[in-house]
Amino acid sequence: MQKFTPCLWFDGKAEEAAKFYTSIFKNSEVTGISHYGKAGSEASGQAQGTVMTVSFRLDGQDFLALNGGPHFTFSPAISFMANCESQQEVDRLWDQLTEGGGEKGQCGWLTDKFGVSWQIVPQMLGKVMLQDDDEKSERVMKELMQMTKIEIKTLKLAAKNRT
């Protein structure tokens, strides 16, 4: 069992969100659904019999989605970083997570239709940025700051000083 499980608070869309996310990420599944009983309904103000929580797994990472009502919303202060192996994976995740009303941000950040923030980044970015070559890192950062969806080819050219 993993030690930490992110719990995402939704206003009635926990099951829809879990199904959306599990349709996008490989090796993913909804692992359980619970419903509000009398005690939970009275405490939360949610209708008895409606979906309370949805447990799901995205590529081995467990999550819990809670239908807690309109009291809290998501913020970009917390995001989920998807480390991608290829441009094809970056493109696919970017397109699917922005589908249906998601907002495209800067430097690989996006907000999906449920308001959850994601960072869709190639694994190579961390390798380039964490080197002891400040000039290379600066060139890559300059290119990165101009992007919405990250383009690996452009970053590699910047790393080689060929932009």
C-alpha atoms as a PDB file:
ATOM      1  CA  MET A   1       0.000   0.000   0.000  1.00  0.00           C
ATOM      2  CA  GLN A   2       1.338   3.422  -0.882  1.00  0.00           C
ATOM      3  CA  LYS A   3       1.810   5.806   2.022  1.00  0.00           C
ATOM      4  CA  PHE A   4       0.212   8.912   0.517  1.00  0.00           C
ATOM      5  CA  THR A   5      -2.960   9.069  -1.565  1.00  0.00           C
ATOM      6  CA  PRO A   6      -4.081  12.389  -3.050  1.00  0.00           C
ATOM      7  CA  CYS A   7      -7.725  13.130  -2.261  1.00  0.00           C
ATOM      8  CA  LEU A   8      -9.453  15.364  -4.795  1.00  0.00           C
ATOM      9  CA  TRP A   9     -12.581  17.277  -3.714  1.00  0.00           C
ATOM     10  CA  PHE A  10     -15.328  17.557  -6.323  1.00  0.00           C
ATOM     11  CA  ASP A  11     -18.824  18.990  -6.366  1.00  0.00           C
ATOM     12  CA  GLY A  12     -20.770  16.001  -7.657  1.00  0.00           C
ATOM     13  CA  LYS A  13     -18.331  15.027 -10.428  1.00  0.00           C
ATOM     14  CA  ALA A  14     -16.009  12.583  -8.648  1.00  0.00           C
ATOM     15  CA  GLU A  15     -17.102   9.527 -10.635  1.00  0.00           C
ATOM     16  CA  GLU A  16     -17.062  11.394 -13.954  1.00  0.00           C
ATOM     17  CA  ALA A  17     -13.564  12.730 -13.226  1.00  0.00           C
ATOM     18  CA  ALA A  18     -12.205   9.325 -12.167  1.00  0.00           C
ATOM     19  CA  LYS A  19     -13.559   7.714 -15.342  1.00  0.00           C
ATOM     20  CA  PHE A  20     -12.100  10.551 -17.437  1.00  0.00           C
ATOM     21  CA  TYR A  21      -8.633  10.202 -15.890  1.00  0.00           C
ATOM     22  CA  THR A  22      -8.584   6.393 -16.064  1.00  0.00           C
ATOM     23  CA  SER A  23      -9.474   6.571 -19.759  1.00  0.00           C
ATOM     24  CA  ILE A  24      -6.389   8.725 -20.421  1.00  0.00           C
ATOM     25  CA  PHE A  25      -3.564   7.138 -18.435  1.00  0.00           C
ATOM     26  CA  LYS A  26      -2.196   3.651 -19.098  1.00  0.00           C
ATOM     27  CA  ASN A  27      -2.574   0.917 -16.461  1.00  0.00           C
ATOM     28  CA  SER A  28      -5.430   2.772 -14.802  1.00  0.00           C
ATOM     29  CA  GLU A  29      -8.726   1.739 -13.279  1.00  0.00           C
ATOM     30  CA  VAL A  30     -11.534   2.699 -10.944  1.00  0.00           C
ATOM     31  CA  THR A  31     -11.003   0.486  -7.899  1.00  0.00           C
ATOM     32  CA  GLY A  32     -14.052   1.294  -5.766  1.00  0.00           C
ATOM     33  CA  ILE A  33     -17.100   3.501  -5.321  1.00  0.00           C
ATOM     34  CA  SER A  34     -18.877   4.325  -2.061  1.00  0.00           C
ATOM     35  CA  HIS A  35     -22.193   6.091  -1.564  1.00  0.00           C
ATOM     36  CA  TYR A  36     -23.514   8.444   1.080  1.00  0.00           C
ATOM     37  CA  GLY A  37     -25.482   6.660   3.773  1.00  0.00           C
ATOM     38  CA  LYS A  38     -27.681   8.344   6.345  1.00  0.00           C
ATOM     39  CA  ALA A  39     -24.872   9.424   8.701  1.00  0.00           C
ATOM     40  CA  GLY A  40     -22.629  10.749   5.922  1.00  0.00           C
ATOM     41  CA  SER A  41     -25.538  12.482   4.256  1.00  0.00           C
ATOM     42  CA  GLU A  42     -26.558  14.254   7.450  1.00  0.00           C
ATOM     43  CA  ALA A  43     -22.991  15.338   8.211  1.00  0.00           C
ATOM     44  CA  SER A  44     -22.179  16.557   4.699  1.00  0.00           C
ATOM     45  CA  GLY A  45     -25.489  17.764   3.365  1.00  0.00           C
ATOM     46  CA  GLN A  46     -25.084  15.492   0.345  1.00  0.00           C
ATOM     47  CA  ALA A  47     -28.046  13.408  -0.791  1.00  0.00           C
ATOM     48  CA  GLN A  48     -28.253   9.906   0.620  1.00  0.00           C
ATOM     49  CA  GLY A  49     -27.404   7.260  -2.006  1.00  0.00           C
ATOM     50  CA  THR A  50     -25.268   9.575  -4.168  1.00  0.00           C
ATOM     51  CA  VAL A  51     -21.621   8.828  -4.872  1.00  0.00           C
ATOM     52  CA  MET A  52     -19.445   9.838  -1.917  1.00  0.00           C
ATOM     53  CA  THR A  53     -15.979   8.603  -2.946  1.00  0.00           C
ATOM     54  CA  VAL A  54     -14.340   6.987  -5.931  1.00  0.00           C
ATOM     55  CA  SER A  55     -11.023   5.185  -5.538  1.00  0.00           C
ATOM     56  CA  PHE A  56      -8.958   5.005  -8.681  1.00  0.00           C
ATOM     57  CA  ARG A  57      -5.444   4.292  -9.855  1.00  0.00           C
ATOM     58  CA  LEU A  58      -3.506   6.133 -12.563  1.00  0.00           C
ATOM     59  CA  ASP A  59      -0.515   4.160 -13.803  1.00  0.00           C
ATOM     60  CA  GLY A  60       0.092   2.677 -10.358  1.00  0.00           C
ATOM     61  CA  GLN A  61      -0.655   5.847  -8.325  1.00  0.00           C
ATOM     62  CA  ASP A  62      -3.724   5.629  -6.067  1.00  0.00           C
ATOM     63  CA  PHE A  63      -6.152   8.552  -5.822  1.00  0.00           C
ATOM     64  CA  LEU A  64      -9.414   9.211  -4.042  1.00  0.00           C
ATOM     65  CA  ALA A  65     -12.120  11.480  -5.461  1.00  0.00           C
ATOM     66  CA  LEU A  66     -14.623  12.862  -2.949  1.00  0.00           C
ATOM     67  CA  ASN A  67     -17.956  14.479  -3.747  1.00  0.00           C
ATOM     68  CA  GLY A  68     -17.805  17.002  -0.928  1.00  0.00           C
ATOM     69  CA  GLY A  69     -19.941  19.770  -2.358  1.00  0.00           C
ATOM     70  CA  PRO A  70     -19.242  23.330  -3.510  1.00  0.00           C
ATOM     71  CA  HIS A  71     -17.255  24.423  -0.441  1.00  0.00           C
ATOM     72  CA  PHE A  72     -13.769  24.014  -1.947  1.00  0.00           C
ATOM     73  CA  THR A  73     -12.329  24.297  -5.439  1.00  0.00           C
ATOM     74  CA  PHE A  74      -9.010  23.434  -7.043  1.00  0.00           C
ATOM     75  CA  SER A  75      -6.094  25.816  -7.363  1.00  0.00           C
ATOM     76  CA  PRO A  76      -2.954  25.734  -9.535  1.00  0.00           C
ATOM     77  CA  ALA A  77      -0.986  25.821  -6.273  1.00  0.00           C
ATOM     78  CA  ILE A  78      -1.228  22.008  -6.426  1.00  0.00           C
ATOM     79  CA  SER A  79      -0.688  20.178  -9.702  1.00  0.00           C
ATOM     80  CA  PHE A  80       0.045  16.684 -10.903  1.00  0.00           C
ATOM     81  CA  MET A  81       3.168  16.300 -13.011  1.00  0.00           C
ATOM     82  CA  ALA A  82       3.045  13.701 -15.759  1.00  0.00           C
ATOM     83  CA  ASN A  83       6.586  12.818 -16.833  1.00  0.00           C
ATOM     84  CA  CYS A  84       6.457  11.805 -20.480  1.00  0.00           C
ATOM     85  CA  GLU A  85       8.920   9.639 -22.376  1.00  0.00           C
ATOM     86  CA  SER A  86       8.253  11.084 -25.833  1.00  0.00           C
ATOM     87  CA  GLN A  87       6.724  13.969 -27.763  1.00  0.00           C
ATOM     88  CA  GLN A  88       3.943  11.624 -28.793  1.00  0.00           C
ATOM     89  CA  GLU A  89       3.036  11.060 -25.130  1.00  0.00           C
ATOM     90  CA  VAL A  90       3.238  14.805 -24.389  1.00  0.00           C
ATOM     91  CA  ASP A  91       0.922  15.512 -27.329  1.00  0.00           C
ATOM     92  CA  ARG A  92      -1.562  12.781 -26.396  1.00  0.00           C
ATOM     93  CA  LEU A  93      -1.855  13.746 -22.723  1.00  0.00           C
ATOM     94  CA  TRP A  94      -2.006  17.447 -23.560  1.00  0.00           C
ATOM     95  CA  ASP A  95      -4.809  16.924 -26.076  1.00  0.00           C
ATOM     96  CA  GLN A  96      -6.822  14.569 -23.890  1.00  0.00           C
ATOM     97  CA  LEU A  97      -6.526  16.559 -20.659  1.00  0.00           C
ATOM     98  CA  THR A  98      -7.516  19.835 -22.353  1.00  0.00           C
ATOM     99  CA  GLU A  99     -10.450  18.168 -24.121  1.00  0.00           C
ATOM    100  CA  GLY A 100     -13.907  19.383 -23.157  1.00  0.00           C
ATOM    101  CA  GLY A 101     -13.009  22.775 -21.766  1.00  0.00           C
ATOM    102  CA  GLY A 102      -9.536  22.515 -20.300  1.00  0.00           C
ATOM    103  CA  GLU A 103      -7.331  25.613 -20.256  1.00  0.00           C
ATOM    104  CA  LYS A 104      -3.842  25.655 -21.714  1.00  0.00           C
ATOM    105  CA  GLY A 105      -1.225  27.368 -19.599  1.00  0.00           C
ATOM    106  CA  GLN A 106       2.450  28.188 -19.914  1.00  0.00           C
ATOM    107  CA  CYS A 107       5.418  25.793 -19.742  1.00  0.00           C
ATOM    108  CA  GLY A 108       3.424  22.585 -20.019  1.00  0.00           C
ATOM    109  CA  TRP A 109       0.802  23.522 -17.407  1.00  0.00           C
ATOM    110  CA  LEU A 110      -2.889  23.037 -18.053  1.00  0.00           C
ATOM    111  CA  THR A 111      -6.127  22.950 -16.129  1.00  0.00           C
ATOM    112  CA  ASP A 112      -8.548  20.192 -17.104  1.00  0.00           C
ATOM    113  CA  LYS A 113     -12.331  20.550 -17.401  1.00  0.00           C
ATOM    114  CA  PHE A 114     -12.711  19.689 -13.699  1.00  0.00           C
ATOM    115  CA  GLY A 115     -10.316  22.433 -12.588  1.00  0.00           C
ATOM    116  CA  VAL A 116      -7.405  20.113 -11.724  1.00  0.00           C
ATOM    117  CA  SER A 117      -3.951  21.434 -12.679  1.00  0.00           C
ATOM    118  CA  TRP A 118      -1.464  19.250 -14.531  1.00  0.00           C
ATOM    119  CA  GLN A 119       2.094  19.659 -15.756  1.00  0.00           C
ATOM    120  CA  ILE A 120       2.771  17.645 -18.902  1.00  0.00           C
ATOM    121  CA  VAL A 121       6.555  17.514 -19.159  1.00  0.00           C
ATOM    122  CA  PRO A 122       9.097  15.404 -20.996  1.00  0.00           C
ATOM    123  CA  GLN A 123      11.504  13.469 -18.785  1.00  0.00           C
ATOM    124  CA  MET A 124      14.407  15.036 -20.667  1.00  0.00           C
ATOM    125  CA  LEU A 125      13.550  18.478 -19.271  1.00  0.00           C
ATOM    126  CA  GLY A 126      14.659  17.583 -15.747  1.00  0.00           C
ATOM    127  CA  LYS A 127      17.876  16.083 -17.061  1.00  0.00           C
ATOM    128  CA  VAL A 128      18.739  19.230 -18.993  1.00  0.00           C
ATOM    129  CA  MET A 129      17.738  21.662 -16.233  1.00  0.00           C
ATOM    130  CA  LEU A 130      19.553  19.845 -13.438  1.00  0.00           C
ATOM    131  CA  GLN A 131      22.998  19.938 -15.011  1.00  0.00           C
ATOM    132  CA  ASP A 132      25.914  22.076 -13.874  1.00  0.00           C
ATOM    133  CA  ASP A 133      25.793  24.059 -17.108  1.00  0.00           C
ATOM    134  CA  ASP A 134      24.000  27.307 -16.250  1.00  0.00           C
ATOM    135  CA  GLU A 135      24.207  28.638 -19.811  1.00  0.00           C
ATOM    136  CA  LYS A 136      22.536  25.524 -21.208  1.00  0.00           C
ATOM    137  CA  SER A 137      19.841  25.653 -18.523  1.00  0.00           C
ATOM    138  CA  GLU A 138      19.226  29.334 -19.286  1.00  0.00           C
ATOM    139  CA  ARG A 139      18.836  28.668 -23.032  1.00  0.00           C
ATOM    140  CA  VAL A 140      16.376  25.858 -22.346  1.00  0.00           C
ATOM    141  CA  MET A 141      14.437  27.976 -19.828  1.00  0.00           C
ATOM    142  CA  LYS A 142      14.206  30.846 -22.332  1.00  0.00           C
ATOM    143  CA  GLU A 143      12.591  28.520 -24.886  1.00  0.00           C
ATOM    144  CA  LEU A 144      10.396  26.848 -22.278  1.00  0.00           C
ATOM    145  CA  MET A 145       8.953  30.190 -21.146  1.00  0.00           C
ATOM    146  CA  GLN A 146       7.631  30.775 -24.667  1.00  0.00           C
ATOM    147  CA  MET A 147       5.734  27.482 -24.843  1.00  0.00           C
ATOM    148  CA  THR A 148       2.329  26.291 -23.817  1.00  0.00           C
ATOM    149  CA  LYS A 149       2.607  22.599 -24.756  1.00  0.00           C
ATOM    150  CA  ILE A 150       6.251  21.596 -24.500  1.00  0.00           C
ATOM    151  CA  GLU A 151       8.116  20.731 -27.692  1.00  0.00           C
ATOM    152  CA  ILE A 152      11.036  18.391 -27.036  1.00  0.00           C
ATOM    153  CA  LYS A 153      12.807  19.120 -30.329  1.00  0.00           C
ATOM    154  CA  THR A 154      12.967  22.850 -29.550  1.00  0.00           C
ATOM    155  CA  LEU A 155      14.331  22.201 -26.061  1.00  0.00           C
ATOM    156  CA  LYS A 156      16.995  19.840 -27.398  1.00  0.00           C
ATOM    157  CA  LEU A 157      18.086  22.443 -29.951  1.00  0.00           C
ATOM    158  CA  ALA A 158      18.308  25.074 -27.203  1.00  0.00           C
ATOM    159  CA  ALA A 159      20.394  22.703 -25.092  1.00  0.00           C
ATOM    160  CA  LYS A 160      22.782  22.327 -28.045  1.00  0.00           C
ATOM    161  CA  ASN A 161      22.777  26.104 -28.614  1.00  0.00           C
ATOM    162  CA  ARG A 162      21.056  25.802 -31.997  1.00  0.00           C
ATOM    163  CA  THR A 163      17.841  27.800 -31.567  1.00  0.00           C
END
